[in-house]
Amino acid sequence: VTLSFCGFIGLVFARQRAPRYFAMAYLGAALAFLTKGLMGLLPVVFSIGFCLFQRRRGVGLRDLIDVRWLLAAAVLACSWFGLVYFKHGGEALGVFFSDQVGSRPAVSILQIPANLAGYVICVAWNLMPWLVLAGLAFAYERDLVRKFYDDNRELCLFVSGWFGLLLVVFSFANIFRVRYFLPVYPLFAVLAGALVVDIVRQNKASQLVERFAGVIQWTGLAA
């Protein structure tokens, strides 16, 4: 999933129709489909939807489509399921669909907000202590954070939109699996790293960031 997103980020934000980006975007999604089923299609669906929503930015649907890589990804994604169908028949595919969709809806309306709150809390915890650093940066350098958002608005919307899509999809399920949000962390890391670099360049915030990073290092060594 992360490989697929790296490819789509190159296509959407670098605006380069390079073969390597198409390969990463579609073959990455195909490999994800082989291992995680329908979740592997989410990067493709989300990236195309984002591109259509941001059409005025100069990247259209045509810029994300390469028939050769799309066909190669389709063959790769369907290969295992074709072998399963050939060996076990249609029942195996029915079991797969039931496991992915049919048996996954939340059994109680109360489970939806419980899942939603649980995922938000767990993801926030896993982003510590950098989430605290972002809060401190907003408190001490609010104008800098706003400028960072204005300069990287599309990427911020892309990352937050991907996180929101996963929240919607998995909050309505009858299982709670925080590991499903692993593809979110690399994208958050890119944003956090860029924000930290901008903060360090500022005189007022640099000492705060360096002091906080030092605490992290010594805590890690002690652990």
Protein backbone atom coordinates (compact mmCIF):
# COMPACT_ATOMS: atom_id res chain seq x y z
CA VAL A 1 0.00 0.00 0.00
CA THR A 2 2.82 2.40 0.88
CA LEU A 3 4.62 1.56 -2.38
CA SER A 4 1.44 2.31 -4.30
CA PHE A 5 1.04 5.66 -2.57
CA CYS A 6 4.66 6.60 -3.33
CA GLY A 7 3.88 6.07 -6.99
CA PHE A 8 0.67 8.09 -6.91
CA ILE A 9 2.37 10.91 -5.00
CA GLY A 10 4.90 11.09 -7.82
CA LEU A 11 2.13 11.19 -10.41
CA VAL A 12 -0.06 13.69 -8.57
CA PHE A 13 2.44 16.04 -6.93
CA ALA A 14 5.60 15.69 -9.02
CA ARG A 15 3.36 15.67 -12.11
CA GLN A 16 5.66 13.25 -13.92
CA ARG A 17 4.31 10.40 -16.04
CA ALA A 18 7.46 8.39 -15.42
CA PRO A 19 7.28 4.58 -15.79
CA ARG A 20 8.66 4.07 -12.28
CA TYR A 21 5.74 5.98 -10.77
CA PHE A 22 3.17 3.97 -12.72
CA ALA A 23 4.92 0.74 -11.74
CA MET A 24 4.96 1.67 -8.06
CA ALA A 25 1.37 2.91 -8.10
CA TYR A 26 -0.29 -0.03 -9.87
CA LEU A 27 2.02 -2.97 -9.15
CA GLY A 28 2.14 -1.90 -5.50
CA ALA A 29 -1.66 -1.92 -5.40
CA ALA A 30 -1.70 -5.33 -7.13
CA LEU A 31 0.67 -6.81 -4.53
CA ALA A 32 -1.46 -5.31 -1.76
CA PHE A 33 -4.56 -6.85 -3.36
CA LEU A 34 -2.85 -10.25 -3.40
CA THR A 35 -2.04 -10.07 0.32
CA LYS A 36 -4.81 -7.92 1.81
CA GLY A 37 -7.66 -8.31 -0.64
CA LEU A 38 -9.95 -5.37 -1.35
CA MET A 39 -7.94 -3.03 0.87
CA GLY A 40 -5.26 -3.10 -1.82
CA LEU A 41 -7.59 -1.18 -4.14
CA LEU A 42 -8.03 1.72 -1.73
CA PRO A 43 -4.88 3.63 -2.82
CA VAL A 44 -6.03 3.54 -6.44
CA VAL A 45 -9.62 4.55 -5.65
CA PHE A 46 -8.55 7.31 -3.27
CA SER A 47 -5.84 8.76 -5.54
CA ILE A 48 -8.16 8.88 -8.55
CA GLY A 49 -10.94 10.42 -6.44
CA PHE A 50 -8.53 13.01 -5.04
CA CYS A 51 -7.30 13.84 -8.51
CA LEU A 52 -10.85 14.35 -9.79
CA PHE A 53 -11.67 16.51 -6.77
CA GLN A 54 -8.55 18.62 -7.36
CA ARG A 55 -8.95 18.75 -11.14
CA ARG A 56 -8.46 22.50 -11.25
CA ARG A 57 -4.91 21.96 -9.95
CA GLY A 58 -3.80 20.66 -13.33
CA VAL A 59 -3.73 16.87 -12.78
CA GLY A 60 -6.53 15.00 -14.50
CA LEU A 61 -7.63 11.39 -14.62
CA ARG A 62 -5.69 10.90 -17.86
CA ASP A 63 -2.46 11.72 -16.01
CA LEU A 64 -2.96 8.76 -13.66
CA ILE A 65 -3.77 6.13 -16.26
CA ASP A 66 -1.27 4.05 -18.22
CA VAL A 67 -3.00 1.13 -19.91
CA ARG A 68 0.13 -1.04 -20.02
CA TRP A 69 0.82 -0.82 -16.28
CA LEU A 70 -2.89 -1.07 -15.50
CA LEU A 71 -3.17 -4.35 -17.44
CA ALA A 72 0.02 -5.72 -15.88
CA ALA A 73 -1.32 -4.90 -12.41
CA ALA A 74 -4.68 -6.51 -13.19
CA VAL A 75 -2.99 -9.73 -14.32
CA LEU A 76 -0.80 -9.79 -11.20
CA ALA A 77 -3.70 -8.99 -8.86
CA CYS A 78 -6.00 -11.63 -10.34
CA SER A 79 -3.40 -14.38 -10.77
CA TRP A 80 -3.72 -15.92 -7.32
CA PHE A 81 -7.52 -15.71 -7.34
CA GLY A 82 -7.55 -17.32 -10.76
CA LEU A 83 -5.49 -20.23 -9.45
CA VAL A 84 -7.78 -20.58 -6.43
CA TYR A 85 -10.86 -20.59 -8.65
CA PHE A 86 -9.30 -23.16 -10.97
CA LYS A 87 -8.45 -25.44 -8.05
CA HIS A 88 -11.39 -24.94 -5.65
CA GLY A 89 -14.16 -23.43 -7.74
CA GLY A 90 -16.46 -20.52 -7.04
CA GLU A 91 -17.01 -21.41 -3.38
CA ALA A 92 -13.51 -20.26 -2.49
CA LEU A 93 -14.15 -16.84 -3.99
CA GLY A 94 -17.46 -16.69 -2.10
CA VAL A 95 -15.62 -17.34 1.17
CA PHE A 96 -13.14 -14.62 0.28
CA PHE A 97 -15.91 -12.10 -0.38
CA SER A 98 -17.65 -13.01 2.87
CA ASP A 99 -14.43 -12.57 4.82
CA GLN A 100 -13.74 -9.19 3.20
CA VAL A 101 -17.23 -7.69 3.09
CA GLY A 102 -20.15 -9.94 3.94
CA SER A 103 -19.23 -10.76 7.55
CA ARG A 104 -17.54 -7.45 8.43
CA PRO A 105 -20.31 -4.85 9.04
CA ALA A 106 -20.60 -3.61 12.63
CA VAL A 107 -23.11 -5.65 14.64
CA SER A 108 -24.16 -2.67 16.78
CA ILE A 109 -24.61 1.02 16.06
CA LEU A 110 -22.60 1.73 19.22
CA GLN A 111 -19.63 -0.15 17.82
CA ILE A 112 -19.12 2.49 15.11
CA PRO A 113 -18.30 5.46 17.40
CA ALA A 114 -16.34 3.13 19.68
CA ASN A 115 -14.19 2.02 16.74
CA LEU A 116 -13.82 5.61 15.54
CA ALA A 117 -12.64 6.89 18.91
CA GLY A 118 -10.37 3.88 19.41
CA TYR A 119 -8.63 4.32 16.07
CA VAL A 120 -8.10 8.06 16.58
CA ILE A 121 -6.64 7.50 20.05
CA CYS A 122 -4.38 4.63 18.97
CA VAL A 123 -3.06 6.42 15.88
CA ALA A 124 -2.42 9.57 17.94
CA TRP A 125 -0.57 7.47 20.53
CA ASN A 126 1.55 5.81 17.86
CA LEU A 127 2.48 9.24 16.51
CA MET A 128 3.88 10.32 19.86
CA PRO A 129 5.97 12.28 20.67
CA TRP A 130 5.86 14.02 17.30
CA LEU A 131 2.20 14.89 17.76
CA VAL A 132 3.15 16.78 20.92
CA LEU A 133 5.90 18.53 18.97
CA ALA A 134 3.35 19.60 16.35
CA GLY A 135 1.12 20.96 19.13
CA LEU A 136 4.02 22.93 20.62
CA ALA A 137 4.91 24.27 17.20
CA PHE A 138 1.34 25.43 16.67
CA ALA A 139 1.32 27.06 20.10
CA TYR A 140 4.64 28.89 19.72
CA GLU A 141 4.84 29.37 15.95
CA ARG A 142 1.24 29.45 14.77
CA ASP A 143 2.01 31.64 11.77
CA LEU A 144 4.74 29.23 10.68
CA VAL A 145 2.38 26.25 10.86
CA ARG A 146 -0.25 28.13 8.87
CA LYS A 147 2.30 29.06 6.23
CA PHE A 148 3.43 25.43 6.07
CA TYR A 149 -0.18 24.37 5.47
CA ASP A 150 -0.69 27.02 2.81
CA ASP A 151 2.51 25.96 1.01
CA ASN A 152 1.65 22.24 1.23
CA ARG A 153 -2.13 22.37 1.15
CA GLU A 154 -2.62 19.65 -1.46
CA LEU A 155 -0.32 17.19 0.32
CA CYS A 156 -1.96 17.92 3.68
CA LEU A 157 -5.38 17.27 2.16
CA PHE A 158 -4.09 14.10 0.51
CA VAL A 159 -2.72 12.66 3.78
CA SER A 160 -5.68 13.71 5.92
CA GLY A 161 -8.10 12.44 3.28
CA TRP A 162 -6.41 9.02 3.23
CA PHE A 163 -6.59 8.86 7.02
CA GLY A 164 -10.25 9.87 6.90
CA LEU A 165 -11.06 7.19 4.32
CA LEU A 166 -9.52 4.48 6.49
CA LEU A 167 -11.43 5.79 9.51
CA VAL A 168 -14.73 5.56 7.64
CA VAL A 169 -14.04 2.12 6.17
CA PHE A 170 -12.82 0.41 9.34
CA SER A 171 -15.04 2.17 11.88
CA PHE A 172 -18.02 0.44 10.29
CA ALA A 173 -16.45 -3.01 10.69
CA ASN A 174 -17.10 -5.50 13.47
CA ILE A 175 -13.38 -5.93 14.19
CA PHE A 176 -10.79 -3.56 15.64
CA ARG A 177 -7.36 -3.75 14.01
CA VAL A 178 -5.04 -0.78 14.53
CA ARG A 179 -2.48 -2.36 12.19
CA TYR A 180 -4.77 -1.51 9.27
CA PHE A 181 -3.61 2.09 9.72
CA LEU A 182 0.06 1.29 9.15
CA PRO A 183 -0.07 2.76 5.60
CA VAL A 184 -0.93 6.13 7.17
CA TYR A 185 2.27 6.52 9.19
CA PRO A 186 4.77 6.97 6.31
CA LEU A 187 2.65 9.79 4.88
CA PHE A 188 2.33 11.46 8.28
CA ALA A 189 6.10 11.07 8.69
CA VAL A 190 6.73 12.99 5.45
CA LEU A 191 4.59 15.88 6.64
CA ALA A 192 6.03 15.84 10.17
CA GLY A 193 9.60 15.79 8.85
CA ALA A 194 8.97 18.72 6.53
CA LEU A 195 7.32 20.67 9.34
CA VAL A 196 10.20 20.00 11.74
CA VAL A 197 12.71 21.22 9.14
CA ASP A 198 10.75 24.46 8.74
CA ILE A 199 10.54 24.91 12.51
CA VAL A 200 14.25 24.32 13.08
CA ARG A 201 15.06 27.03 10.56
CA GLN A 202 13.23 29.56 12.74
CA ASN A 203 15.17 31.18 15.58
CA LYS A 204 12.41 31.04 18.20
CA ALA A 205 11.37 27.45 17.62
CA SER A 206 14.73 25.82 16.89
CA GLN A 207 15.82 25.61 20.54
CA LEU A 208 12.48 24.09 21.49
CA VAL A 209 12.74 21.40 18.80
CA GLU A 210 16.37 20.59 19.59
CA ARG A 211 15.67 20.32 23.32
CA PHE A 212 12.67 18.08 22.69
CA ALA A 213 14.64 15.88 20.27
CA GLY A 214 17.41 15.51 22.88
CA VAL A 215 14.92 14.25 25.45
CA ILE A 216 13.70 11.68 22.92
CA GLN A 217 17.25 10.46 22.25
CA TRP A 218 18.19 10.06 25.91
CA THR A 219 14.88 8.39 26.68
CA GLY A 220 15.47 5.93 23.86
CA LEU A 221 18.98 5.15 25.10
CA ALA A 222 17.70 4.64 28.65
CA ALA A 223 15.01 2.26 27.40
